[in-house]
Every structure is written in structure tokens, then in C-alpha cells.
Amino acid sequence: MMSRISEATAFELAQQRIDALASALVDAFSIIPEKTVRGSQGWLYFYNTTDFIRSSNPSDSLVGNGPILVFADGGVEEFPSSLSLELAYAKIGYDEHAAG
């Protein structure tokens, strides 16, 4: 049986992936902690530019970025924004109806 990573480790893995994406665009991205979704099989992290998080100015916002999935075993996946969030929820074992 694989061991489950901690939420702190999952956050770090997501931020590392986001940092790599930002570096490629010569920008700075940050996770939006209050939008994190926790499921039985992992976490879903939403992010945007650090400037947008500070300013809420739409011109500072990313467009078309999907969330980062971090699985309980440490796997990381960039989730395409073109797919339904329900699919992302299913991948991490989150039941949006049960969460109410």
C-alpha cells in the first residue's frame, strides 16, 4: 500500500509545478488557498498570477488555466480548463454533493 502524502507536501508539489509554468512565461503565479478542494484521493489547487491575487484587476488575470491536481501518492497533473470540473473532482475523490 502506498503512503499518503501530507496536505503541506501536496501544496508544495502544486506550487513547484505552478512556479515552473510561471517561469516559462516570465511571471509569478500563486495558489489561491481558499479555493483548494480536498478529496479522499488528493487535492485540487487553483492558481492565478500573483498580481491578480493582490489587485483583483481582470487585466492581471490568467485566462484558460486549469487547476493542478495533486494525488495522495504524490503524483501531479495539470488539469485542462477545457474539461469539466466534475471530472477533476472525480479524479481526487471529491463528492461536491456530499460536501454541500
N, C-alpha and C. Protein backbone atom coordinates (compact mmCIF):
# COMPACT_ATOMS: atom_id res chain seq x y z
N MET A 1 0.84 -1.19 0.00
CA MET A 1 0.00 0.00 0.00
C MET A 1 0.89 1.25 0.00
N MET A 2 0.58 2.20 -0.88
CA MET A 2 1.35 3.43 -0.95
C MET A 2 0.99 4.34 0.22
N SER A 3 1.98 5.08 0.69
CA SER A 3 1.69 6.02 1.76
C SER A 3 1.10 7.30 1.18
N ARG A 4 0.29 7.94 1.98
CA ARG A 4 -0.38 9.18 1.58
C ARG A 4 0.50 10.36 1.97
N ILE A 5 0.70 11.29 1.04
CA ILE A 5 1.47 12.48 1.36
C ILE A 5 0.61 13.42 2.21
N SER A 6 1.25 14.33 2.89
CA SER A 6 0.52 15.31 3.70
C SER A 6 -0.02 16.43 2.81
N GLU A 7 -0.97 17.17 3.34
CA GLU A 7 -1.51 18.29 2.58
C GLU A 7 -0.43 19.36 2.36
N ALA A 8 0.45 19.53 3.34
CA ALA A 8 1.55 20.50 3.18
C ALA A 8 2.47 20.10 2.02
N THR A 9 2.75 18.80 1.91
CA THR A 9 3.58 18.31 0.80
C THR A 9 2.85 18.50 -0.52
N ALA A 10 1.56 18.22 -0.54
CA ALA A 10 0.76 18.40 -1.76
C ALA A 10 0.79 19.86 -2.20
N PHE A 11 0.66 20.77 -1.25
CA PHE A 11 0.71 22.20 -1.56
C PHE A 11 2.05 22.56 -2.19
N GLU A 12 3.14 22.05 -1.60
CA GLU A 12 4.49 22.33 -2.13
C GLU A 12 4.65 21.79 -3.55
N LEU A 13 4.15 20.57 -3.79
CA LEU A 13 4.24 19.98 -5.13
C LEU A 13 3.46 20.82 -6.15
N ALA A 14 2.28 21.27 -5.76
CA ALA A 14 1.48 22.11 -6.65
C ALA A 14 2.19 23.43 -6.92
N GLN A 15 2.75 24.03 -5.87
CA GLN A 15 3.43 25.32 -6.06
C GLN A 15 4.67 25.16 -6.94
N GLN A 16 5.37 24.03 -6.81
CA GLN A 16 6.53 23.78 -7.68
C GLN A 16 6.11 23.72 -9.14
N ARG A 17 5.00 23.02 -9.41
CA ARG A 17 4.51 22.93 -10.79
C ARG A 17 4.09 24.30 -11.30
N ILE A 18 3.40 25.05 -10.46
CA ILE A 18 2.94 26.39 -10.84
C ILE A 18 4.13 27.31 -11.07
N ASP A 19 5.15 27.20 -10.22
CA ASP A 19 6.36 28.02 -10.41
C ASP A 19 7.02 27.72 -11.75
N ALA A 20 7.04 26.45 -12.14
CA ALA A 20 7.64 26.07 -13.43
C ALA A 20 6.83 26.67 -14.58
N LEU A 21 5.51 26.64 -14.48
CA LEU A 21 4.66 27.24 -15.52
C LEU A 21 4.89 28.75 -15.59
N ALA A 22 4.98 29.39 -14.44
CA ALA A 22 5.19 30.84 -14.39
C ALA A 22 6.55 31.22 -14.95
N SER A 23 7.55 30.43 -14.63
CA SER A 23 8.91 30.71 -15.10
C SER A 23 8.97 30.70 -16.62
N ALA A 24 8.25 29.76 -17.22
CA ALA A 24 8.22 29.67 -18.69
C ALA A 24 7.61 30.92 -19.31
N LEU A 25 6.74 31.59 -18.57
CA LEU A 25 6.08 32.80 -19.06
C LEU A 25 6.68 34.08 -18.46
N VAL A 26 7.76 33.92 -17.71
CA VAL A 26 8.41 35.04 -17.02
C VAL A 26 7.37 35.82 -16.22
N ASP A 27 6.71 35.11 -15.31
CA ASP A 27 5.66 35.69 -14.49
C ASP A 27 5.73 35.04 -13.11
N ALA A 28 4.85 35.43 -12.21
CA ALA A 28 4.76 34.82 -10.89
C ALA A 28 3.31 34.41 -10.65
N PHE A 29 3.11 33.14 -10.33
CA PHE A 29 1.78 32.61 -10.05
C PHE A 29 1.73 32.17 -8.60
N SER A 30 0.53 32.21 -8.02
CA SER A 30 0.33 31.77 -6.64
C SER A 30 -0.95 30.96 -6.55
N ILE A 31 -0.94 30.00 -5.62
CA ILE A 31 -2.13 29.22 -5.32
C ILE A 31 -3.11 30.12 -4.57
N ILE A 32 -4.39 29.92 -4.81
CA ILE A 32 -5.45 30.62 -4.09
C ILE A 32 -5.97 29.64 -3.03
N PRO A 33 -5.43 29.70 -1.81
CA PRO A 33 -5.71 28.67 -0.79
C PRO A 33 -7.19 28.46 -0.51
N GLU A 34 -7.98 29.52 -0.49
CA GLU A 34 -9.40 29.38 -0.14
C GLU A 34 -10.20 28.64 -1.21
N LYS A 35 -9.63 28.42 -2.37
CA LYS A 35 -10.31 27.68 -3.43
C LYS A 35 -9.87 26.22 -3.52
N THR A 36 -8.95 25.81 -2.65
CA THR A 36 -8.46 24.43 -2.67
C THR A 36 -9.60 23.46 -2.38
N VAL A 37 -9.65 22.38 -3.16
CA VAL A 37 -10.65 21.33 -2.98
C VAL A 37 -9.93 20.09 -2.47
N ARG A 38 -10.41 19.54 -1.37
CA ARG A 38 -9.80 18.36 -0.76
C ARG A 38 -10.69 17.14 -1.00
N GLY A 39 -10.11 16.10 -1.58
CA GLY A 39 -10.84 14.87 -1.82
C GLY A 39 -10.17 13.70 -1.11
N SER A 40 -10.79 12.55 -1.17
CA SER A 40 -10.23 11.37 -0.50
C SER A 40 -8.97 10.87 -1.18
N GLN A 41 -8.77 11.23 -2.46
CA GLN A 41 -7.61 10.75 -3.21
C GLN A 41 -6.64 11.86 -3.60
N GLY A 42 -6.86 13.09 -3.11
CA GLY A 42 -5.93 14.16 -3.45
C GLY A 42 -6.54 15.54 -3.29
N TRP A 43 -5.88 16.51 -3.90
CA TRP A 43 -6.22 17.92 -3.77
C TRP A 43 -6.28 18.57 -5.14
N LEU A 44 -7.09 19.59 -5.24
CA LEU A 44 -7.23 20.37 -6.46
C LEU A 44 -6.87 21.81 -6.10
N TYR A 45 -5.81 22.32 -6.74
CA TYR A 45 -5.31 23.67 -6.43
C TYR A 45 -5.56 24.61 -7.60
N PHE A 46 -6.23 25.71 -7.31
CA PHE A 46 -6.47 26.75 -8.29
C PHE A 46 -5.41 27.83 -8.10
N TYR A 47 -5.04 28.48 -9.18
CA TYR A 47 -4.00 29.50 -9.09
C TYR A 47 -4.26 30.61 -10.10
N ASN A 48 -3.55 31.71 -9.89
CA ASN A 48 -3.61 32.83 -10.82
C ASN A 48 -2.32 33.61 -10.67
N THR A 49 -2.19 34.69 -11.40
CA THR A 49 -0.98 35.49 -11.24
C THR A 49 -0.98 36.11 -9.85
N THR A 50 0.20 36.29 -9.31
CA THR A 50 0.33 36.93 -8.01
C THR A 50 -0.23 38.34 -8.07
N ASP A 51 -0.01 39.03 -9.19
CA ASP A 51 -0.55 40.38 -9.35
C ASP A 51 -2.07 40.40 -9.26
N PHE A 52 -2.73 39.43 -9.91
CA PHE A 52 -4.19 39.39 -9.87
C PHE A 52 -4.69 39.10 -8.46
N ILE A 53 -4.04 38.19 -7.76
CA ILE A 53 -4.46 37.85 -6.40
C ILE A 53 -4.37 39.09 -5.50
N ARG A 54 -3.36 39.90 -5.72
CA ARG A 54 -3.20 41.13 -4.92
C ARG A 54 -4.19 42.23 -5.34
N SER A 55 -4.41 42.38 -6.65
CA SER A 55 -5.15 43.54 -7.16
C SER A 55 -6.61 43.28 -7.52
N SER A 56 -6.95 42.03 -7.86
CA SER A 56 -8.27 41.66 -8.40
C SER A 56 -8.57 42.37 -9.72
N ASN A 57 -7.56 42.92 -10.34
CA ASN A 57 -7.72 43.61 -11.63
C ASN A 57 -7.77 42.56 -12.74
N PRO A 58 -8.89 42.47 -13.47
CA PRO A 58 -9.01 41.45 -14.52
C PRO A 58 -7.88 41.47 -15.55
N SER A 59 -7.29 42.62 -15.79
CA SER A 59 -6.21 42.67 -16.78
C SER A 59 -4.94 41.97 -16.28
N ASP A 60 -4.87 41.67 -14.97
CA ASP A 60 -3.73 40.94 -14.40
C ASP A 60 -3.97 39.43 -14.37
N SER A 61 -5.17 38.99 -14.72
CA SER A 61 -5.58 37.60 -14.56
C SER A 61 -5.09 36.70 -15.69
N LEU A 62 -4.86 35.44 -15.35
CA LEU A 62 -4.62 34.42 -16.37
C LEU A 62 -5.94 34.07 -17.03
N VAL A 63 -5.88 33.58 -18.24
CA VAL A 63 -7.07 33.12 -18.95
C VAL A 63 -6.78 31.73 -19.47
N GLY A 64 -7.70 30.80 -19.22
CA GLY A 64 -7.57 29.46 -19.77
C GLY A 64 -6.71 28.50 -18.97
N ASN A 65 -6.33 28.88 -17.76
CA ASN A 65 -5.53 27.97 -16.95
C ASN A 65 -6.45 27.07 -16.14
N GLY A 66 -6.14 25.78 -16.15
CA GLY A 66 -6.88 24.83 -15.33
C GLY A 66 -6.16 24.62 -14.02
N PRO A 67 -6.82 23.97 -13.07
CA PRO A 67 -6.20 23.73 -11.77
C PRO A 67 -5.12 22.65 -11.84
N ILE A 68 -4.37 22.54 -10.76
CA ILE A 68 -3.36 21.50 -10.60
C ILE A 68 -3.93 20.44 -9.67
N LEU A 69 -3.88 19.18 -10.09
CA LEU A 69 -4.29 18.08 -9.23
C LEU A 69 -3.04 17.48 -8.60
N VAL A 70 -3.08 17.24 -7.31
CA VAL A 70 -2.01 16.52 -6.62
C VAL A 70 -2.67 15.32 -5.96
N PHE A 71 -2.21 14.15 -6.35
CA PHE A 71 -2.80 12.92 -5.84
C PHE A 71 -2.15 12.51 -4.53
N ALA A 72 -2.87 11.72 -3.75
CA ALA A 72 -2.41 11.30 -2.42
C ALA A 72 -1.08 10.57 -2.47
N ASP A 73 -0.74 9.98 -3.63
CA ASP A 73 0.54 9.27 -3.75
C ASP A 73 1.67 10.18 -4.20
N GLY A 74 1.38 11.49 -4.41
CA GLY A 74 2.40 12.45 -4.81
C GLY A 74 2.42 12.77 -6.30
N GLY A 75 1.58 12.12 -7.07
CA GLY A 75 1.50 12.43 -8.50
C GLY A 75 0.90 13.82 -8.71
N VAL A 76 1.35 14.49 -9.76
CA VAL A 76 0.87 15.85 -10.06
C VAL A 76 0.40 15.89 -11.51
N GLU A 77 -0.74 16.53 -11.74
CA GLU A 77 -1.30 16.62 -13.08
C GLU A 77 -1.85 18.03 -13.32
N GLU A 78 -1.54 18.58 -14.47
CA GLU A 78 -2.15 19.84 -14.89
C GLU A 78 -3.50 19.48 -15.51
N PHE A 79 -4.57 20.03 -14.98
CA PHE A 79 -5.90 19.70 -15.46
C PHE A 79 -6.33 20.74 -16.48
N PRO A 80 -6.67 20.32 -17.70
CA PRO A 80 -7.05 21.29 -18.74
C PRO A 80 -8.34 22.03 -18.39
N SER A 81 -8.36 23.30 -18.65
CA SER A 81 -9.56 24.10 -18.38
C SER A 81 -10.70 23.74 -19.33
N SER A 82 -10.39 23.02 -20.39
CA SER A 82 -11.42 22.64 -21.36
C SER A 82 -12.28 21.48 -20.87
N LEU A 83 -11.86 20.83 -19.79
CA LEU A 83 -12.62 19.70 -19.25
C LEU A 83 -13.45 20.14 -18.06
N SER A 84 -14.50 19.40 -17.78
CA SER A 84 -15.41 19.70 -16.69
C SER A 84 -14.74 19.54 -15.33
N LEU A 85 -15.04 20.46 -14.42
CA LEU A 85 -14.52 20.33 -13.06
C LEU A 85 -15.02 19.07 -12.38
N GLU A 86 -16.19 18.57 -12.77
CA GLU A 86 -16.71 17.34 -12.20
C GLU A 86 -15.74 16.18 -12.43
N LEU A 87 -15.07 16.18 -13.58
CA LEU A 87 -14.07 15.15 -13.86
C LEU A 87 -12.88 15.30 -12.92
N ALA A 88 -12.45 16.52 -12.67
CA ALA A 88 -11.35 16.75 -11.72
C ALA A 88 -11.77 16.31 -10.33
N TYR A 89 -13.00 16.63 -9.93
CA TYR A 89 -13.50 16.21 -8.62
C TYR A 89 -13.46 14.69 -8.50
N ALA A 90 -13.90 14.00 -9.54
CA ALA A 90 -13.91 12.54 -9.52
C ALA A 90 -12.50 11.98 -9.39
N LYS A 91 -11.54 12.60 -10.06
CA LYS A 91 -10.16 12.11 -10.01
C LYS A 91 -9.56 12.19 -8.62
N ILE A 92 -9.99 13.17 -7.81
CA ILE A 92 -9.43 13.30 -6.47
C ILE A 92 -10.36 12.72 -5.40
N GLY A 93 -11.47 12.11 -5.82
CA GLY A 93 -12.39 11.50 -4.87
C GLY A 93 -13.20 12.51 -4.07
N TYR A 94 -13.60 13.59 -4.72
CA TYR A 94 -14.39 14.63 -4.05
C TYR A 94 -15.82 14.54 -4.53
N ASP A 95 -16.76 14.50 -3.60
CA ASP A 95 -18.18 14.47 -3.95
C ASP A 95 -18.77 15.84 -3.62
N GLU A 96 -18.96 16.66 -4.65
CA GLU A 96 -19.44 18.02 -4.41
C GLU A 96 -20.83 18.04 -3.79
N HIS A 97 -21.63 17.01 -4.02
CA HIS A 97 -22.98 16.97 -3.47
C HIS A 97 -22.93 16.63 -1.98
N ALA A 98 -22.02 15.75 -1.59
CA ALA A 98 -21.88 15.39 -0.18
C ALA A 98 -21.26 16.54 0.61
N ALA A 99 -20.40 17.33 -0.06
CA ALA A 99 -19.73 18.43 0.63
C ALA A 99 -20.70 19.57 0.94
N GLY A 100 -21.79 19.63 0.15
CA GLY A 100 -22.83 20.62 0.37
C GLY A 100 -22.36 22.00 0.29
